[in-house]
Structures are given as structure tokens and as C-alpha cells.
PDB file of N, CA and C in Angstrom:
ATOM      1  N   MET A   1      -3.584  25.892  22.701  1.00  0.00           N
ATOM      2  CA  MET A   1      -3.474  27.737  22.072  1.00  0.00           C
ATOM      3  C   MET A   1      -4.448  28.115  23.335  1.00  0.00           C
ATOM      4  N   GLY A   2      -3.893  28.784  24.658  1.00  0.00           N
ATOM      5  CA  GLY A   2      -4.721  29.805  24.897  1.00  0.00           C
ATOM      6  C   GLY A   2      -5.808  30.492  24.008  1.00  0.00           C
ATOM      7  N   ARG A   3      -6.576  31.622  25.029  1.00  0.00           N
ATOM      8  CA  ARG A   3      -7.130  32.828  24.512  1.00  0.00           C
ATOM      9  C   ARG A   3      -6.071  33.437  24.096  1.00  0.00           C
ATOM     10  N   ARG A   4      -5.007  34.152  25.128  1.00  0.00           N
ATOM     11  CA  ARG A   4      -4.325  35.071  24.210  1.00  0.00           C
ATOM     12  C   ARG A   4      -3.433  34.665  23.375  1.00  0.00           C
ATOM     13  N   GLY A   5      -3.043  33.577  22.981  1.00  0.00           N
ATOM     14  CA  GLY A   5      -2.319  33.003  21.668  1.00  0.00           C
ATOM     15  C   GLY A   5      -3.777  33.307  19.985  1.00  0.00           C
ATOM     16  N   TRP A   6      -4.726  33.327  21.024  1.00  0.00           N
ATOM     17  CA  TRP A   6      -5.261  33.414  19.735  1.00  0.00           C
ATOM     18  C   TRP A   6      -5.448  34.656  18.895  1.00  0.00           C
ATOM     19  N   ILE A   7      -5.509  35.385  19.778  1.00  0.00           N
ATOM     20  CA  ILE A   7      -6.026  36.713  19.928  1.00  0.00           C
ATOM     21  C   ILE A   7      -4.921  37.567  19.536  1.00  0.00           C
ATOM     22  N   ASP A   8      -3.693  37.177  19.362  1.00  0.00           N
ATOM     23  CA  ASP A   8      -2.138  36.945  18.841  1.00  0.00           C
ATOM     24  C   ASP A   8      -1.868  36.801  17.810  1.00  0.00           C
ATOM     25  N   TYR A   9      -2.845  35.433  17.829  1.00  0.00           N
ATOM     26  CA  TYR A   9      -2.271  34.988  16.053  1.00  0.00           C
ATOM     27  C   TYR A   9      -3.293  35.719  15.318  1.00  0.00           C
ATOM     28  N   LEU A  10      -4.365  36.449  15.695  1.00  0.00           N
ATOM     29  CA  LEU A  10      -5.096  37.134  14.587  1.00  0.00           C
ATOM     30  C   LEU A  10      -4.505  38.428  14.612  1.00  0.00           C
ATOM     31  N   ALA A  11      -3.517  39.090  15.836  1.00  0.00           N
ATOM     32  CA  ALA A  11      -3.250  40.308  15.774  1.00  0.00           C
ATOM     33  C   ALA A  11      -2.163  40.439  14.826  1.00  0.00           C
ATOM     34  N   ALA A  12      -1.955  39.472  14.239  1.00  0.00           N
ATOM     35  CA  ALA A  12      -0.851  39.477  13.737  1.00  0.00           C
ATOM     36  C   ALA A  12      -0.430  39.353  12.748  1.00  0.00           C
ATOM     37  N   ALA A  13      -1.682  39.532  11.455  1.00  0.00           N
ATOM     38  CA  ALA A  13      -1.993  39.077  10.216  1.00  0.00           C
ATOM     39  C   ALA A  13      -2.174  40.294   9.844  1.00  0.00           C
ATOM     40  N   ASP A  14      -0.678  40.573   9.118  1.00  0.00           N
ATOM     41  CA  ASP A  14      -0.871  42.055   8.677  1.00  0.00           C
ATOM     42  C   ASP A  14      -1.956  42.144   7.304  1.00  0.00           C
ATOM     43  N   ASP A  15      -2.790  41.192   6.444  1.00  0.00           N
ATOM     44  CA  ASP A  15      -3.396  41.238   5.454  1.00  0.00           C
ATOM     45  C   ASP A  15      -5.076  40.635   6.241  1.00  0.00           C
ATOM     46  N   TYR A  16      -4.735  41.109   7.233  1.00  0.00           N
ATOM     47  CA  TYR A  16      -6.578  40.420   7.198  1.00  0.00           C
ATOM     48  C   TYR A  16      -7.431  38.974   7.052  1.00  0.00           C
ATOM     49  N   SER A  17      -6.658  38.198   5.931  1.00  0.00           N
ATOM     50  CA  SER A  17      -6.681  37.155   5.252  1.00  0.00           C
ATOM     51  C   SER A  17      -7.737  35.701   6.370  1.00  0.00           C
ATOM     52  N   LYS A  18      -6.404  36.214   7.818  1.00  0.00           N
ATOM     53  CA  LYS A  18      -7.145  35.114   8.302  1.00  0.00           C
ATOM     54  C   LYS A  18      -8.135  35.219   9.177  1.00  0.00           C
ATOM     55  N   VAL A  19      -8.152  36.761   9.273  1.00  0.00           N
ATOM     56  CA  VAL A  19      -9.599  36.922   9.794  1.00  0.00           C
ATOM     57  C   VAL A  19     -10.810  36.892   9.227  1.00  0.00           C
ATOM     58  N   ILE A  20     -10.538  36.990   7.889  1.00  0.00           N
ATOM     59  CA  ILE A  20     -11.659  37.040   6.699  1.00  0.00           C
ATOM     60  C   ILE A  20     -12.114  35.549   6.310  1.00  0.00           C
ATOM     61  N   VAL A  21     -10.747  34.325   6.844  1.00  0.00           N
ATOM     62  CA  VAL A  21     -10.913  33.304   6.790  1.00  0.00           C
ATOM     63  C   VAL A  21     -12.252  32.772   7.511  1.00  0.00           C
ATOM     64  N   TRP A  22     -10.935  32.955   9.165  1.00  0.00           N
ATOM     65  CA  TRP A  22     -12.501  32.525  10.273  1.00  0.00           C
ATOM     66  C   TRP A  22     -13.432  33.388  10.319  1.00  0.00           C
ATOM     67  N   SER A  23     -14.233  34.081  10.232  1.00  0.00           N
ATOM     68  CA  SER A  23     -15.409  34.646   9.771  1.00  0.00           C
ATOM     69  C   SER A  23     -15.814  33.727   8.620  1.00  0.00           C
ATOM     70  N   LEU A  24     -15.401  33.672   7.507  1.00  0.00           N
ATOM     71  CA  LEU A  24     -16.110  32.812   6.639  1.00  0.00           C
ATOM     72  C   LEU A  24     -16.737  31.353   6.677  1.00  0.00           C
ATOM     73  N   VAL A  25     -16.013  30.455   8.176  1.00  0.00           N
ATOM     74  CA  VAL A  25     -16.111  29.303   8.849  1.00  0.00           C
ATOM     75  C   VAL A  25     -17.268  29.819   9.670  1.00  0.00           C
ATOM     76  N   LEU A  26     -17.550  31.023  10.232  1.00  0.00           N
ATOM     77  CA  LEU A  26     -17.937  30.911  11.237  1.00  0.00           C
ATOM     78  C   LEU A  26     -19.787  31.236  10.356  1.00  0.00           C
ATOM     79  N   ILE A  27     -19.415  32.087   9.536  1.00  0.00           N
ATOM     80  CA  ILE A  27     -20.892  31.665   8.457  1.00  0.00           C
ATOM     81  C   ILE A  27     -21.590  30.985   8.210  1.00  0.00           C
ATOM     82  N   GLY A  28     -20.495  29.420   7.819  1.00  0.00           N
ATOM     83  CA  GLY A  28     -20.598  28.484   7.279  1.00  0.00           C
ATOM     84  C   GLY A  28     -21.045  27.901   8.212  1.00  0.00           C
ATOM     85  N   VAL A  29     -20.703  28.331   9.601  1.00  0.00           N
ATOM     86  CA  VAL A  29     -21.298  27.076  10.467  1.00  0.00           C
ATOM     87  C   VAL A  29     -22.583  27.949  10.943  1.00  0.00           C
ATOM     88  N   ILE A  30     -22.651  28.830  10.883  1.00  0.00           N
ATOM     89  CA  ILE A  30     -24.098  29.134  11.250  1.00  0.00           C
ATOM     90  C   ILE A  30     -25.349  29.033  10.029  1.00  0.00           C
ATOM     91  N   ILE A  31     -24.365  29.072   9.036  1.00  0.00           N
ATOM     92  CA  ILE A  31     -25.710  28.692   7.918  1.00  0.00           C
ATOM     93  C   ILE A  31     -25.883  26.783   8.304  1.00  0.00           C
ATOM     94  N   ILE A  32     -25.290  26.543   8.454  1.00  0.00           N
ATOM     95  CA  ILE A  32     -25.565  24.968   8.731  1.00  0.00           C
ATOM     96  C   ILE A  32     -26.017  24.917   9.611  1.00  0.00           C
ATOM     97  N   LEU A  33     -26.147  24.733  11.330  1.00  0.00           N
ATOM     98  CA  LEU A  33     -26.881  24.756  12.186  1.00  0.00           C
ATOM     99  C   LEU A  33     -28.558  25.115  11.729  1.00  0.00           C
ATOM    100  N   PHE A  34     -28.676  26.760  11.007  1.00  0.00           N
ATOM    101  CA  PHE A  34     -29.452  27.276  10.369  1.00  0.00           C
ATOM    102  C   PHE A  34     -30.994  25.765   9.213  1.00  0.00           C
ATOM    103  N   VAL A  35     -30.481  25.628   8.230  1.00  0.00           N
ATOM    104  CA  VAL A  35     -30.180  24.733   8.078  1.00  0.00           C
ATOM    105  C   VAL A  35     -30.777  23.280   8.407  1.00  0.00           C
ATOM    106  N   THR A  36     -29.838  22.211   9.234  1.00  0.00           N
ATOM    107  CA  THR A  36     -30.498  21.508  10.663  1.00  0.00           C
ATOM    108  C   THR A  36     -31.265  21.401  11.193  1.00  0.00           C
ATOM    109  N   ALA A  37     -32.076  23.357  11.684  1.00  0.00           N
ATOM    110  CA  ALA A  37     -32.696  23.909  12.747  1.00  0.00           C
ATOM    111  C   ALA A  37     -34.292  23.759  11.771  1.00  0.00           C
ATOM    112  N   ALA A  38     -34.263  24.168  10.389  1.00  0.00           N
ATOM    113  CA  ALA A  38     -35.251  23.824   9.907  1.00  0.00           C
ATOM    114  C   ALA A  38     -35.865  23.050   9.180  1.00  0.00           C
ATOM    115  N   TRP A  39     -34.384  21.708   8.874  1.00  0.00           N
ATOM    116  CA  TRP A  39     -35.194  20.393   8.374  1.00  0.00           C
ATOM    117  C   TRP A  39     -36.278  19.872   9.667  1.00  0.00           C
ATOM    118  N   VAL A  40     -35.361  19.842  11.938  1.00  0.00           N
ATOM    119  CA  VAL A  40     -35.689  19.192  12.521  1.00  0.00           C
ATOM    120  C   VAL A  40     -37.019  19.454  12.498  1.00  0.00           C
ATOM    121  N   LYS A  41     -37.543  20.880  12.160  1.00  0.00           N
ATOM    122  CA  LYS A  41     -38.825  21.534  12.389  1.00  0.00           C
ATOM    123  C   LYS A  41     -39.432  21.128  11.559  1.00  0.00           C
ATOM    124  N   ARG A  42     -39.103  21.135  10.322  1.00  0.00           N
ATOM    125  CA  ARG A  42     -39.927  20.238   8.692  1.00  0.00           C
ATOM    126  C   ARG A  42     -40.753  19.076   9.646  1.00  0.00           C
ATOM    127  N   TRP A  43     -39.918  18.272   9.630  1.00  0.00           N
ATOM    128  CA  TRP A  43     -39.576  16.397  10.173  1.00  0.00           C
ATOM    129  C   TRP A  43     -40.612  16.699  11.560  1.00  0.00           C
ATOM    130  N   ALA A  44     -40.811  17.497  12.585  1.00  0.00           N
ATOM    131  CA  ALA A  44     -41.620  17.087  13.833  1.00  0.00           C
ATOM    132  C   ALA A  44     -42.970  17.331  13.289  1.00  0.00           C
ATOM    133  N   SER A  45     -42.878  18.630  12.492  1.00  0.00           N
ATOM    134  CA  SER A  45     -44.582  19.730  11.966  1.00  0.00           C
ATOM    135  C   SER A  45     -45.160  18.103  11.250  1.00  0.00           C
ATOM    136  N   ARG A  46     -44.410  17.442  10.432  1.00  0.00           N
ATOM    137  CA  ARG A  46     -44.708  17.016   9.591  1.00  0.00           C
ATOM    138  C   ARG A  46     -45.524  15.561  10.177  1.00  0.00           C
ATOM    139  N   ASN A  47     -44.427  15.080  11.062  1.00  0.00           N
ATOM    140  CA  ASN A  47     -44.877  13.566  12.446  1.00  0.00           C
ATOM    141  C   ASN A  47     -46.156  13.983  12.485  1.00  0.00           C
ATOM    142  N   ALA A  48     -46.327  15.683  13.474  1.00  0.00           N
ATOM    143  CA  ALA A  48     -47.750  15.579  14.461  1.00  0.00           C
ATOM    144  C   ALA A  48     -48.671  16.453  13.687  1.00  0.00           C
ATOM    145  N   ASP A  49     -48.226  16.513  12.225  1.00  0.00           N
ATOM    146  CA  ASP A  49     -50.084  17.171  11.911  1.00  0.00           C
ATOM    147  C   ASP A  49     -50.626  15.438  10.910  1.00  0.00           C
ATOM    148  N   ALA A  50     -50.152  13.686  11.573  1.00  0.00           N
ATOM    149  CA  ALA A  50     -50.921  13.664  11.746  1.00  0.00           C
ATOM    150  C   ALA A  50     -51.348  12.654  12.062  1.00  0.00           C
ATOM    151  N   GLY A  51     -52.699  12.846  11.761  1.00  0.00           N
ATOM    152  CA  GLY A  51     -54.287  12.746  12.910  1.00  0.00           C
ATOM    153  C   GLY A  51     -55.099  11.393  11.934  1.00  0.00           C
ATOM    154  N   PRO A  52     -55.963  11.058  12.961  1.00  0.00           N
ATOM    155  CA  PRO A  52     -56.274   9.768  12.285  1.00  0.00           C
ATOM    156  C   PRO A  52     -57.245   9.944  11.321  1.00  0.00           C
ATOM    157  N   VAL A  53     -56.598   8.906  10.681  1.00  0.00           N
ATOM    158  CA  VAL A  53     -57.440   9.223   8.991  1.00  0.00           C
ATOM    159  C   VAL A  53     -57.868   7.983   8.478  1.00  0.00           C
ATOM    160  N   SER A  54     -59.333   8.273   7.833  1.00  0.00           N
ATOM    161  CA  SER A  54     -60.665   7.554   7.264  1.00  0.00           C
ATOM    162  C   SER A  54     -60.246   7.240   6.522  1.00  0.00           C
ATOM    163  N   GLY A  55     -60.538   5.880   6.034  1.00  0.00           N
ATOM    164  CA  GLY A  55     -60.010   5.283   4.627  1.00  0.00           C
ATOM    165  C   GLY A  55     -61.078   5.702   3.364  1.00  0.00           C
ATOM    166  N   PHE A  56     -62.212   5.881   3.868  1.00  0.00           N
ATOM    167  CA  PHE A  56     -63.097   6.391   2.758  1.00  0.00           C
ATOM    168  C   PHE A  56     -63.804   8.284   3.161  1.00  0.00           C
ATOM    169  N   SER A  57     -64.389   8.284   1.593  1.00  0.00           N
ATOM    170  CA  SER A  57     -65.080   9.494   2.410  1.00  0.00           C
ATOM    171  C   SER A  57     -66.860   9.536   2.363  1.00  0.00           C
ATOM    172  N   LEU A  58     -67.373   9.901   2.323  1.00  0.00           N
ATOM    173  CA  LEU A  58     -68.589   9.757   2.561  1.00  0.00           C
ATOM    174  C   LEU A  58     -68.607   9.781   1.163  1.00  0.00           C
ATOM    175  N   SER A  59     -68.567  10.304   0.430  1.00  0.00           N
ATOM    176  CA  SER A  59     -68.972   9.995  -1.287  1.00  0.00           C
ATOM    177  C   SER A  59     -68.265   8.955  -1.996  1.00  0.00           C
ATOM    178  N   GLU A  60     -67.419   8.440  -1.095  1.00  0.00           N
ATOM    179  CA  GLU A  60     -67.091   7.542  -1.794  1.00  0.00           C
ATOM    180  C   GLU A  60     -66.833   6.328  -1.389  1.00  0.00           C
ATOM    181  N   LEU A  61     -67.915   6.109  -0.487  1.00  0.00           N
ATOM    182  CA  LEU A  61     -68.975   5.069   0.124  1.00  0.00           C
ATOM    183  C   LEU A  61     -69.857   5.122  -0.497  1.00  0.00           C
ATOM    184  N   ARG A  62     -71.285   6.257  -0.949  1.00  0.00           N
ATOM    185  CA  ARG A  62     -71.756   6.531  -1.689  1.00  0.00           C
ATOM    186  C   ARG A  62     -71.735   5.286  -2.978  1.00  0.00           C
ATOM    187  N   LYS A  63     -70.716   5.537  -3.809  1.00  0.00           N
ATOM    188  CA  LYS A  63     -70.253   5.437  -5.141  1.00  0.00           C
ATOM    189  C   LYS A  63     -70.047   4.055  -4.948  1.00  0.00           C
ATOM    190  N   LEU A  64     -69.788   3.344  -3.799  1.00  0.00           N
ATOM    191  CA  LEU A  64     -69.651   1.416  -3.796  1.00  0.00           C
ATOM    192  C   LEU A  64     -70.412   1.222  -3.351  1.00  0.00           C
ATOM    193  N   HIS A  65     -71.198   2.120  -2.585  1.00  0.00           N
ATOM    194  CA  HIS A  65     -73.217   1.104  -2.485  1.00  0.00           C
ATOM    195  C   HIS A  65     -74.196   1.538  -3.673  1.00  0.00           C
ATOM    196  N   GLN A  66     -73.832   2.785  -4.510  1.00  0.00           N
ATOM    197  CA  GLN A  66     -74.592   2.332  -5.600  1.00  0.00           C
ATOM    198  C   GLN A  66     -73.936   1.203  -6.920  1.00  0.00           C
ATOM    199  N   SER A  67     -72.929   1.294  -6.600  1.00  0.00           N
ATOM    200  CA  SER A  67     -72.623   0.157  -7.655  1.00  0.00           C
ATOM    201  C   SER A  67     -72.261  -1.150  -7.206  1.00  0.00           C
ATOM    202  N   GLY A  68     -73.089  -1.170  -6.023  1.00  0.00           N
ATOM    203  CA  GLY A  68     -73.285  -2.862  -5.383  1.00  0.00           C
ATOM    204  C   GLY A  68     -72.629  -3.325  -4.321  1.00  0.00           C
ATOM    205  N   GLN A  69     -71.628  -3.024  -4.996  1.00  0.00           N
ATOM    206  CA  GLN A  69     -69.567  -3.358  -3.719  1.00  0.00           C
ATOM    207  C   GLN A  69     -70.405  -3.723  -2.223  1.00  0.00           C
ATOM    208  N   LEU A  70     -70.879  -2.398  -1.489  1.00  0.00           N
ATOM    209  CA  LEU A  70     -71.300  -2.202  -0.631  1.00  0.00           C
ATOM    210  C   LEU A  70     -72.938  -2.821  -0.199  1.00  0.00           C
ATOM    211  N   SER A  71     -73.644  -3.684   0.728  1.00  0.00           N
ATOM    212  CA  SER A  71     -74.677  -3.750   1.030  1.00  0.00           C
ATOM    213  C   SER A  71     -74.921  -2.637   1.823  1.00  0.00           C
ATOM    214  N   GLN A  72     -76.442  -2.177   2.247  1.00  0.00           N
ATOM    215  CA  GLN A  72     -77.330  -1.008   2.790  1.00  0.00           C
ATOM    216  C   GLN A  72     -76.783  -1.438   4.341  1.00  0.00           C
ATOM    217  N   ASP A  73     -76.518  -2.567   5.164  1.00  0.00           N
ATOM    218  CA  ASP A  73     -75.906  -2.309   6.562  1.00  0.00           C
ATOM    219  C   ASP A  73     -73.939  -1.870   6.989  1.00  0.00           C
ATOM    220  N   GLU A  74     -73.978  -2.447   5.488  1.00  0.00           N
ATOM    221  CA  GLU A  74     -72.337  -1.599   5.667  1.00  0.00           C
ATOM    222  C   GLU A  74     -71.945  -0.160   5.511  1.00  0.00           C
ATOM    223  N   PHE A  75     -72.964  -0.192   4.455  1.00  0.00           N
ATOM    224  CA  PHE A  75     -72.581   1.036   4.117  1.00  0.00           C
ATOM    225  C   PHE A  75     -73.106   1.832   5.253  1.00  0.00           C
ATOM    226  N   ASN A  76     -74.284   1.523   6.049  1.00  0.00           N
ATOM    227  CA  ASN A  76     -74.598   2.850   7.106  1.00  0.00           C
ATOM    228  C   ASN A  76     -73.600   1.946   8.090  1.00  0.00           C
ATOM    229  N   ARG A  77     -73.086   0.927   8.948  1.00  0.00           N
ATOM    230  CA  ARG A  77     -71.926   0.980   9.448  1.00  0.00           C
ATOM    231  C   ARG A  77     -71.122   2.011   9.422  1.00  0.00           C
ATOM    232  N   ALA A  78     -70.283   2.451   8.022  1.00  0.00           N
ATOM    233  CA  ALA A  78     -69.188   2.830   7.645  1.00  0.00           C
ATOM    234  C   ALA A  78     -69.593   4.479   7.584  1.00  0.00           C
ATOM    235  N   LYS A  79     -70.951   4.840   6.810  1.00  0.00           N
ATOM    236  CA  LYS A  79     -71.077   6.351   7.587  1.00  0.00           C
ATOM    237  C   LYS A  79     -71.286   6.741   8.473  1.00  0.00           C
ATOM    238  N   GLU A  80     -71.265   5.398  10.072  1.00  0.00           N
ATOM    239  CA  GLU A  80     -71.538   5.723  10.935  1.00  0.00           C
ATOM    240  C   GLU A  80     -70.705   6.149  11.426  1.00  0.00           C
ATOM    241  N   LYS A  81     -69.251   5.628  11.380  1.00  0.00           N
ATOM    242  CA  LYS A  81     -68.464   5.282  11.866  1.00  0.00           C
ATOM    243  C   LYS A  81     -68.193   6.767  11.102  1.00  0.00           C
ATOM    244  N   ILE A  82     -67.979   7.292   9.756  1.00  0.00           N
ATOM    245  CA  ILE A  82     -67.562   8.925   9.601  1.00  0.00           C
ATOM    246  C   ILE A  82     -68.011   9.853  10.606  1.00  0.00           C
ATOM    247  N   VAL A  83     -69.450   9.865  10.664  1.00  0.00           N
ATOM    248  CA  VAL A  83     -69.787  10.589  10.867  1.00  0.00           C
ATOM    249  C   VAL A  83     -69.372  10.837  12.594  1.00  0.00           C
ATOM    250  N   GLN A  84     -69.494   9.955  13.730  1.00  0.00           N
ATOM    251  CA  GLN A  84     -68.948   9.939  14.480  1.00  0.00           C
ATOM    252  C   GLN A  84     -67.246  10.515  15.169  1.00  0.00           C
ATOM    253  N   SER A  85     -66.466  10.119  13.615  1.00  0.00           N
ATOM    254  CA  SER A  85     -65.344  10.942  13.652  1.00  0.00           C
ATOM    255  C   SER A  85     -64.991  11.515  13.062  1.00  0.00           C
ATOM    256  N   ALA A  86     -65.608  12.578  12.787  1.00  0.00           N
ATOM    257  CA  ALA A  86     -65.976  14.053  12.400  1.00  0.00           C
ATOM    258  C   ALA A  86     -66.730  14.824  13.461  1.00  0.00           C
ATOM    259  N   ARG A  87     -67.077  14.136  14.993  1.00  0.00           N
ATOM    260  CA  ARG A  87     -68.213  14.980  15.833  1.00  0.00           C
ATOM    261  C   ARG A  87     -67.127  14.600  16.361  1.00  0.00           C
ATOM    262  N   THR A  88     -65.967  13.761  16.465  1.00  0.00           N
ATOM    263  CA  THR A  88     -65.048  14.006  17.835  1.00  0.00           C
ATOM    264  C   THR A  88     -63.881  14.818  17.157  1.00  0.00           C
ATOM    265  N   MET A  89     -63.787  14.769  16.219  1.00  0.00           N
ATOM    266  CA  MET A  89     -62.898  15.760  15.303  1.00  0.00           C
ATOM    267  C   MET A  89     -63.401  17.690  15.643  1.00  0.00           C
ATOM    268  N   SER A  90     -64.088  17.714  15.733  1.00  0.00           N
ATOM    269  CA  SER A  90     -64.445  18.996  16.206  1.00  0.00           C
ATOM    270  C   SER A  90     -64.805  19.120  17.322  1.00  0.00           C
ATOM    271  N   VAL A  91     -64.613  18.630  18.104  1.00  0.00           N
ATOM    272  CA  VAL A  91     -64.973  19.033  19.485  1.00  0.00           C
ATOM    273  C   VAL A  91     -63.997  19.386  19.868  1.00  0.00           C
ATOM    274  N   ARG A  92     -63.785  20.602  20.557  1.00  0.00           N
ATOM    275  CA  ARG A  92     -62.554  20.793  21.320  1.00  0.00           C
ATOM    276  C   ARG A  92     -62.825  21.631  23.004  1.00  0.00           C
ATOM    277  N   PRO A  93     -61.380  20.811  23.306  1.00  0.00           N
ATOM    278  CA  PRO A  93     -61.858  21.267  24.350  1.00  0.00           C
ATOM    279  C   PRO A  93     -61.553  23.268  25.359  1.00  0.00           C
ATOM    280  N   PRO A  94     -62.085  23.719  25.951  1.00  0.00           N
ATOM    281  CA  PRO A  94     -62.326  24.575  25.994  1.00  0.00           C
ATOM    282  C   PRO A  94     -60.935  25.580  26.291  1.00  0.00           C
ATOM    283  N   GLU A  95     -60.495  26.436  25.302  1.00  0.00           N
ATOM    284  CA  GLU A  95     -59.747  27.279  25.707  1.00  0.00           C
ATOM    285  C   GLU A  95     -59.270  27.909  27.054  1.00  0.00           C
ATOM    286  N   LYS A  96     -58.516  28.111  27.618  1.00  0.00           N
ATOM    287  CA  LYS A  96     -57.993  29.040  28.970  1.00  0.00           C
ATOM    288  C   LYS A  96     -57.248  29.931  29.018  1.00  0.00           C
ATOM    289  N   THR A  97     -57.718  30.940  29.629  1.00  0.00           N
ATOM    290  CA  THR A  97     -57.603  32.239  29.201  1.00  0.00           C
ATOM    291  C   THR A  97     -56.214  32.316  30.224  1.00  0.00           C
ATOM    292  N   PRO A  98     -55.735  33.360  29.356  1.00  0.00           N
ATOM    293  CA  PRO A  98     -54.343  32.969  30.640  1.00  0.00           C
ATOM    294  C   PRO A  98     -54.779  34.039  31.768  1.00  0.00           C
ATOM    295  N   GLY A  99     -54.189  33.502  32.678  1.00  0.00           N
ATOM    296  CA  GLY A  99     -54.051  34.542  33.571  1.00  0.00           C
ATOM    297  C   GLY A  99     -53.300  35.569  34.179  1.00  0.00           C
ATOM    298  N   PRO A 100     -53.211  36.372  34.787  1.00  0.00           N
ATOM    299  CA  PRO A 100     -52.036  37.329  35.430  1.00  0.00           C
ATOM    300  C   PRO A 100     -50.565  36.978  35.395  1.00  0.00           C
ATOM    301  N   PRO A 101     -49.763  37.531  34.801  1.00  0.00           N
ATOM    302  CA  PRO A 101     -48.262  36.660  34.671  1.00  0.00           C
ATOM    303  C   PRO A 101     -48.259  36.269  35.979  1.00  0.00           C
ATOM    304  N   ARG A 102     -47.175  35.197  36.283  1.00  0.00           N
ATOM    305  CA  ARG A 102     -46.472  35.343  37.600  1.00  0.00           C
ATOM    306  C   ARG A 102     -45.108  35.615  37.388  1.00  0.00           C
ATOM    307  N   ASP A 103     -44.291  35.826  38.567  1.00  0.00           N
ATOM    308  CA  ASP A 103     -42.975  36.213  39.070  1.00  0.00           C
ATOM    309  C   ASP A 103     -42.747  34.606  39.804  1.00  0.00           C
ATOM    310  N   LEU A 104     -41.263  34.311  38.545  1.00  0.00           N
ATOM    311  CA  LEU A 104     -40.802  32.787  38.670  1.00  0.00           C
ATOM    312  C   LEU A 104     -39.467  33.255  40.061  1.00  0.00           C
TER     313      LEU A 104
END
């Protein structure tokens, strides 16, 4: 059925029920596309937020050291790794200032 055929088909409806049905179908498709896009965005942001994770916090390491589960040397090495990781995470590259718009 060509383009003119659909127009004739919809124009022939005396009670507009066919127009309402197709409008509801179109609204349903739009809703499905919106939900799918929101799900993909949430999935992508969840994976993008995953960064390097250290196994222990500094307070947990102190508790392990105080309870005797870590030696002083092990505590110092783990503490240095946590501090170095925090320093690395805090260093940000300089932000670029936007230049004048370019014509494409």
C-alpha cells in the first residue's frame, strides 16, 4: 500500500477509531524508545563511574594494625599505596578554555 493508500485508508474512517488506534500505537512506540534510552544511559553511566577501588580505607588498615593482623611494614606499605592513590585521583588535568566558535 503506497503513501496515497494510507491517506485514503485513514480518510475513509467515519468514526476516527483507526486514527486513534494508530496514534496510541505511535505513543506506545515512543514510550518504549524512551524507556530503552533511559536504561542504556543508566547502564553506560554505571560502567563509566567504576574507577580504581582500593581494598581498604586507612581507618580499616589502622584497626588491622592495632589488632595485630598487620605488621608495621605491611601497614606502612598499604598506607603509602592508599596515599599515592589519593594523590593520583586528586590531580586533574588543566581544563581547556573554550575558544571562539569555528565555522564548519
